[in-house]
Amino acid sequence: MMRWRTTRGKHLTDRKSVFLQMLKVVRQQFQQAIVHVLDRGYASVDIITRLIDYQQHFILRWDKRFNLCDELGKLQNAGKHASSLSVVASRLIMDKERKKVRRITIAY
């Protein structure tokens, strides 16, 4: 599925409204058989709220400097939250941009 957007003229649209329209269509067509993967730029309160309201599965990649609130109400940056989670898998990858091998982990 593809949608076009423009920042000019009478058909002016913004990224968030296009995303929310597409989310509505995807939800109707696939129900819960899909996992949405959102990078840092798409993780807004409106979009996360809509995903939760629609009972959609999603994965977010937060900037580690963002402050998040845990279930106990404690506010700390995302990197600290991630370091307290149980690691379920890890592997070495080649970071082509920096030209070195890095270990990545998946935790939840």
N, C-alpha and C. Protein backbone atom coordinates (compact mmCIF):
# COMPACT_ATOMS: atom_id res chain seq x y z
N MET A 1 0.84 -1.16 0.00
CA MET A 1 0.00 0.00 0.00
C MET A 1 0.90 1.23 0.00
N MET A 2 0.53 2.18 -0.80
CA MET A 2 1.33 3.38 -0.91
C MET A 2 0.43 4.60 -0.84
N ARG A 3 0.90 5.63 -0.19
CA ARG A 3 0.19 6.90 -0.12
C ARG A 3 1.19 8.00 -0.43
N TRP A 4 0.72 8.99 -1.17
CA TRP A 4 1.55 10.13 -1.47
C TRP A 4 1.16 11.26 -0.55
N ARG A 5 2.14 12.07 -0.19
CA ARG A 5 1.84 13.25 0.60
C ARG A 5 2.62 14.43 0.04
N THR A 6 2.09 15.61 0.30
CA THR A 6 2.76 16.82 -0.17
C THR A 6 2.68 17.88 0.91
N THR A 7 3.65 18.75 0.92
CA THR A 7 3.67 19.84 1.89
C THR A 7 3.25 21.16 1.25
N ARG A 8 2.68 21.08 0.02
CA ARG A 8 2.31 22.28 -0.72
C ARG A 8 0.95 22.13 -1.38
N GLY A 9 0.35 23.26 -1.70
CA GLY A 9 -0.86 23.27 -2.51
C GLY A 9 -2.12 22.89 -1.75
N LYS A 10 -3.19 22.68 -2.53
CA LYS A 10 -4.49 22.41 -1.91
C LYS A 10 -4.59 21.00 -1.34
N HIS A 11 -3.66 20.10 -1.69
CA HIS A 11 -3.66 18.73 -1.18
C HIS A 11 -2.63 18.55 -0.05
N LEU A 12 -2.35 19.65 0.65
CA LEU A 12 -1.37 19.66 1.73
C LEU A 12 -1.70 18.58 2.77
N THR A 13 -0.72 17.77 3.12
CA THR A 13 -0.89 16.74 4.15
C THR A 13 0.36 16.72 5.03
N ASP A 14 0.22 16.13 6.17
CA ASP A 14 1.39 15.96 7.04
C ASP A 14 1.61 14.47 7.26
N ARG A 15 2.81 14.13 7.69
CA ARG A 15 3.21 12.74 7.84
C ARG A 15 2.33 11.98 8.82
N LYS A 16 1.98 12.62 9.94
CA LYS A 16 1.19 11.95 10.96
C LYS A 16 -0.20 11.58 10.47
N SER A 17 -0.88 12.51 9.79
CA SER A 17 -2.24 12.21 9.31
C SER A 17 -2.23 11.11 8.25
N VAL A 18 -1.22 11.11 7.38
CA VAL A 18 -1.10 10.04 6.38
C VAL A 18 -0.86 8.70 7.07
N PHE A 19 0.02 8.70 8.07
CA PHE A 19 0.30 7.47 8.80
C PHE A 19 -0.96 6.94 9.49
N LEU A 20 -1.71 7.82 10.14
CA LEU A 20 -2.92 7.39 10.85
C LEU A 20 -3.99 6.88 9.88
N GLN A 21 -4.10 7.47 8.70
CA GLN A 21 -5.03 6.97 7.68
C GLN A 21 -4.62 5.57 7.23
N MET A 22 -3.33 5.39 6.98
CA MET A 22 -2.83 4.08 6.56
C MET A 22 -3.02 3.05 7.66
N LEU A 23 -2.81 3.45 8.91
CA LEU A 23 -2.99 2.54 10.04
C LEU A 23 -4.43 2.05 10.11
N LYS A 24 -5.36 2.94 9.86
CA LYS A 24 -6.79 2.56 9.88
C LYS A 24 -7.09 1.52 8.80
N VAL A 25 -6.55 1.72 7.60
CA VAL A 25 -6.77 0.77 6.49
C VAL A 25 -6.10 -0.57 6.80
N VAL A 26 -4.87 -0.54 7.28
CA VAL A 26 -4.14 -1.77 7.61
C VAL A 26 -4.87 -2.54 8.70
N ARG A 27 -5.38 -1.83 9.69
CA ARG A 27 -6.12 -2.48 10.77
C ARG A 27 -7.36 -3.19 10.24
N GLN A 28 -8.08 -2.56 9.33
CA GLN A 28 -9.28 -3.16 8.76
C GLN A 28 -8.95 -4.39 7.91
N GLN A 29 -7.85 -4.34 7.19
CA GLN A 29 -7.50 -5.45 6.30
C GLN A 29 -6.85 -6.62 7.01
N PHE A 30 -5.99 -6.33 8.00
CA PHE A 30 -5.19 -7.40 8.61
C PHE A 30 -5.52 -7.67 10.07
N GLN A 31 -6.39 -6.90 10.69
CA GLN A 31 -6.69 -6.99 12.12
C GLN A 31 -5.40 -6.99 12.94
N GLN A 32 -5.10 -8.09 13.63
CA GLN A 32 -3.91 -8.13 14.48
C GLN A 32 -2.80 -9.00 13.91
N ALA A 33 -2.88 -9.34 12.65
CA ALA A 33 -1.89 -10.23 12.04
C ALA A 33 -0.66 -9.49 11.54
N ILE A 34 -0.39 -8.33 12.11
CA ILE A 34 0.72 -7.52 11.64
C ILE A 34 1.44 -6.89 12.84
N VAL A 35 2.74 -6.71 12.72
CA VAL A 35 3.52 -6.03 13.75
C VAL A 35 4.10 -4.77 13.11
N HIS A 36 3.79 -3.63 13.67
CA HIS A 36 4.28 -2.36 13.16
C HIS A 36 5.65 -2.08 13.77
N VAL A 37 6.60 -1.68 12.96
CA VAL A 37 7.94 -1.34 13.43
C VAL A 37 8.14 0.15 13.19
N LEU A 38 8.34 0.89 14.28
CA LEU A 38 8.46 2.35 14.20
C LEU A 38 9.86 2.77 14.61
N ASP A 39 10.45 3.60 13.80
CA ASP A 39 11.76 4.15 14.14
C ASP A 39 11.56 5.43 14.95
N ARG A 40 12.63 6.02 15.37
CA ARG A 40 12.60 7.16 16.28
C ARG A 40 11.68 8.29 15.84
N GLY A 41 11.67 8.62 14.57
CA GLY A 41 10.89 9.75 14.09
C GLY A 41 9.40 9.55 14.09
N TYR A 42 8.91 8.32 14.19
CA TYR A 42 7.48 8.05 14.11
C TYR A 42 6.85 7.79 15.47
N ALA A 43 7.61 7.79 16.51
CA ALA A 43 7.11 7.40 17.83
C ALA A 43 6.51 8.61 18.56
N SER A 44 5.38 9.12 18.08
CA SER A 44 4.72 10.24 18.74
C SER A 44 3.61 9.71 19.65
N VAL A 45 3.18 10.55 20.57
CA VAL A 45 2.12 10.16 21.51
C VAL A 45 0.84 9.79 20.76
N ASP A 46 0.48 10.56 19.74
CA ASP A 46 -0.74 10.30 18.98
C ASP A 46 -0.70 8.93 18.31
N ILE A 47 0.43 8.61 17.71
CA ILE A 47 0.54 7.33 16.99
C ILE A 47 0.57 6.16 17.96
N ILE A 48 1.31 6.28 19.05
CA ILE A 48 1.36 5.20 20.04
C ILE A 48 -0.01 4.99 20.66
N THR A 49 -0.70 6.08 20.98
CA THR A 49 -2.05 5.98 21.54
C THR A 49 -2.99 5.27 20.58
N ARG A 50 -2.92 5.62 19.31
CA ARG A 50 -3.79 4.98 18.30
C ARG A 50 -3.47 3.50 18.17
N LEU A 51 -2.18 3.13 18.17
CA LEU A 51 -1.80 1.72 18.10
C LEU A 51 -2.36 0.94 19.29
N ILE A 52 -2.28 1.53 20.47
CA ILE A 52 -2.81 0.87 21.66
C ILE A 52 -4.34 0.78 21.59
N ASP A 53 -4.99 1.86 21.17
CA ASP A 53 -6.46 1.85 21.03
C ASP A 53 -6.92 0.79 20.03
N TYR A 54 -6.17 0.63 18.95
CA TYR A 54 -6.52 -0.36 17.91
C TYR A 54 -6.04 -1.76 18.28
N GLN A 55 -5.40 -1.91 19.43
CA GLN A 55 -4.88 -3.20 19.91
C GLN A 55 -3.92 -3.82 18.88
N GLN A 56 -3.03 -2.98 18.37
CA GLN A 56 -2.05 -3.41 17.38
C GLN A 56 -0.73 -3.75 18.07
N HIS A 57 -0.02 -4.73 17.53
CA HIS A 57 1.31 -5.07 18.04
C HIS A 57 2.31 -4.13 17.38
N PHE A 58 3.29 -3.67 18.17
CA PHE A 58 4.27 -2.76 17.59
C PHE A 58 5.59 -2.85 18.33
N ILE A 59 6.64 -2.47 17.62
CA ILE A 59 8.00 -2.39 18.16
C ILE A 59 8.47 -0.96 17.92
N LEU A 60 9.02 -0.36 18.97
CA LEU A 60 9.54 1.00 18.87
C LEU A 60 11.03 1.01 19.08
N ARG A 61 11.70 1.87 18.37
CA ARG A 61 13.11 2.12 18.64
C ARG A 61 13.20 3.55 19.15
N TRP A 62 13.40 3.68 20.47
CA TRP A 62 13.50 4.98 21.09
C TRP A 62 14.94 5.49 21.03
N ASP A 63 15.07 6.79 21.00
CA ASP A 63 16.37 7.41 21.20
C ASP A 63 16.73 7.19 22.66
N LYS A 64 17.92 6.71 22.95
CA LYS A 64 18.28 6.34 24.33
C LYS A 64 18.29 7.54 25.27
N ARG A 65 18.28 8.76 24.73
CA ARG A 65 18.29 9.95 25.58
C ARG A 65 16.89 10.39 26.00
N PHE A 66 15.82 9.81 25.39
CA PHE A 66 14.45 10.18 25.75
C PHE A 66 14.14 9.72 27.16
N ASN A 67 13.40 10.53 27.90
CA ASN A 67 12.97 10.13 29.23
C ASN A 67 11.65 9.38 29.14
N LEU A 68 11.58 8.22 29.76
CA LEU A 68 10.38 7.40 29.78
C LEU A 68 10.00 7.12 31.22
N CYS A 69 8.73 6.88 31.43
CA CYS A 69 8.22 6.59 32.76
C CYS A 69 7.91 5.09 32.83
N ASP A 70 8.43 4.41 33.85
CA ASP A 70 8.16 2.98 33.97
C ASP A 70 6.80 2.75 34.66
N GLU A 71 6.44 1.49 34.84
CA GLU A 71 5.13 1.17 35.42
C GLU A 71 4.98 1.63 36.86
N LEU A 72 6.09 1.94 37.54
CA LEU A 72 6.03 2.43 38.91
C LEU A 72 6.05 3.95 38.98
N GLY A 73 6.11 4.60 37.81
CA GLY A 73 6.12 6.06 37.76
C GLY A 73 7.50 6.67 37.81
N LYS A 74 8.55 5.85 37.79
CA LYS A 74 9.92 6.37 37.85
C LYS A 74 10.34 6.84 36.46
N LEU A 75 10.84 8.07 36.39
CA LEU A 75 11.25 8.66 35.12
C LEU A 75 12.75 8.49 34.95
N GLN A 76 13.15 7.89 33.83
CA GLN A 76 14.58 7.76 33.50
C GLN A 76 14.71 7.62 31.99
N ASN A 77 15.95 7.79 31.50
CA ASN A 77 16.11 7.76 30.05
C ASN A 77 15.94 6.33 29.52
N ALA A 78 15.62 6.23 28.25
CA ALA A 78 15.30 4.94 27.63
C ALA A 78 16.46 3.96 27.71
N GLY A 79 17.67 4.44 27.63
CA GLY A 79 18.83 3.56 27.74
C GLY A 79 18.90 2.85 29.09
N LYS A 80 18.51 3.55 30.15
CA LYS A 80 18.49 2.94 31.50
C LYS A 80 17.39 1.90 31.60
N HIS A 81 16.22 2.17 31.00
CA HIS A 81 15.13 1.19 31.00
C HIS A 81 15.59 -0.09 30.31
N ALA A 82 16.21 0.06 29.16
CA ALA A 82 16.63 -1.11 28.39
C ALA A 82 17.68 -1.92 29.12
N SER A 83 18.56 -1.26 29.86
CA SER A 83 19.62 -2.00 30.54
C SER A 83 19.10 -2.84 31.70
N SER A 84 17.89 -2.54 32.19
CA SER A 84 17.33 -3.30 33.30
C SER A 84 16.47 -4.48 32.83
N LEU A 85 16.27 -4.64 31.53
CA LEU A 85 15.45 -5.72 30.99
C LEU A 85 16.27 -6.99 30.78
N SER A 86 15.59 -8.12 30.71
CA SER A 86 16.26 -9.40 30.48
C SER A 86 16.60 -9.54 29.00
N VAL A 87 17.86 -9.85 28.73
CA VAL A 87 18.31 -10.05 27.35
C VAL A 87 17.85 -11.44 26.89
N VAL A 88 17.16 -11.49 25.75
CA VAL A 88 16.68 -12.77 25.23
C VAL A 88 17.53 -13.27 24.06
N ALA A 89 18.27 -12.37 23.44
CA ALA A 89 19.13 -12.78 22.33
C ALA A 89 20.17 -11.70 22.09
N SER A 90 21.32 -12.12 21.55
CA SER A 90 22.33 -11.15 21.16
C SER A 90 23.11 -11.72 19.98
N ARG A 91 23.71 -10.84 19.22
CA ARG A 91 24.54 -11.28 18.09
C ARG A 91 25.49 -10.17 17.69
N LEU A 92 26.53 -10.56 17.00
CA LEU A 92 27.49 -9.60 16.47
C LEU A 92 27.06 -9.19 15.08
N ILE A 93 27.13 -7.90 14.81
CA ILE A 93 26.81 -7.39 13.47
C ILE A 93 27.95 -6.48 13.02
N MET A 94 28.05 -6.31 11.73
CA MET A 94 29.05 -5.40 11.18
C MET A 94 28.39 -4.04 10.97
N ASP A 95 28.89 -3.04 11.65
CA ASP A 95 28.42 -1.67 11.48
C ASP A 95 29.18 -1.10 10.29
N LYS A 96 28.55 -1.10 9.13
CA LYS A 96 29.24 -0.68 7.91
C LYS A 96 29.64 0.79 7.93
N GLU A 97 28.81 1.61 8.55
CA GLU A 97 29.11 3.04 8.59
C GLU A 97 30.36 3.34 9.42
N ARG A 98 30.49 2.66 10.55
CA ARG A 98 31.64 2.90 11.43
C ARG A 98 32.77 1.90 11.19
N LYS A 99 32.51 0.92 10.34
CA LYS A 99 33.50 -0.09 9.97
C LYS A 99 34.04 -0.85 11.18
N LYS A 100 33.11 -1.30 12.03
CA LYS A 100 33.52 -2.14 13.14
C LYS A 100 32.38 -3.08 13.54
N VAL A 101 32.76 -4.12 14.24
CA VAL A 101 31.79 -5.12 14.68
C VAL A 101 31.19 -4.65 16.01
N ARG A 102 29.87 -4.79 16.12
CA ARG A 102 29.16 -4.39 17.33
C ARG A 102 28.28 -5.53 17.81
N ARG A 103 28.07 -5.62 19.10
CA ARG A 103 27.13 -6.59 19.66
C ARG A 103 25.79 -5.88 19.88
N ILE A 104 24.73 -6.46 19.36
CA ILE A 104 23.40 -5.93 19.61
C ILE A 104 22.63 -6.94 20.44
N THR A 105 21.69 -6.47 21.22
CA THR A 105 20.88 -7.36 22.06
C THR A 105 19.41 -7.06 21.88
N ILE A 106 18.59 -8.05 22.11
CA ILE A 106 17.14 -7.89 22.14
C ILE A 106 16.70 -8.19 23.57
N ALA A 107 16.02 -7.23 24.15
CA ALA A 107 15.59 -7.39 25.54
C ALA A 107 14.14 -6.96 25.67
N TYR A 108 13.42 -7.67 26.53
CA TYR A 108 12.06 -7.25 26.89
C TYR A 108 11.64 -7.89 28.17
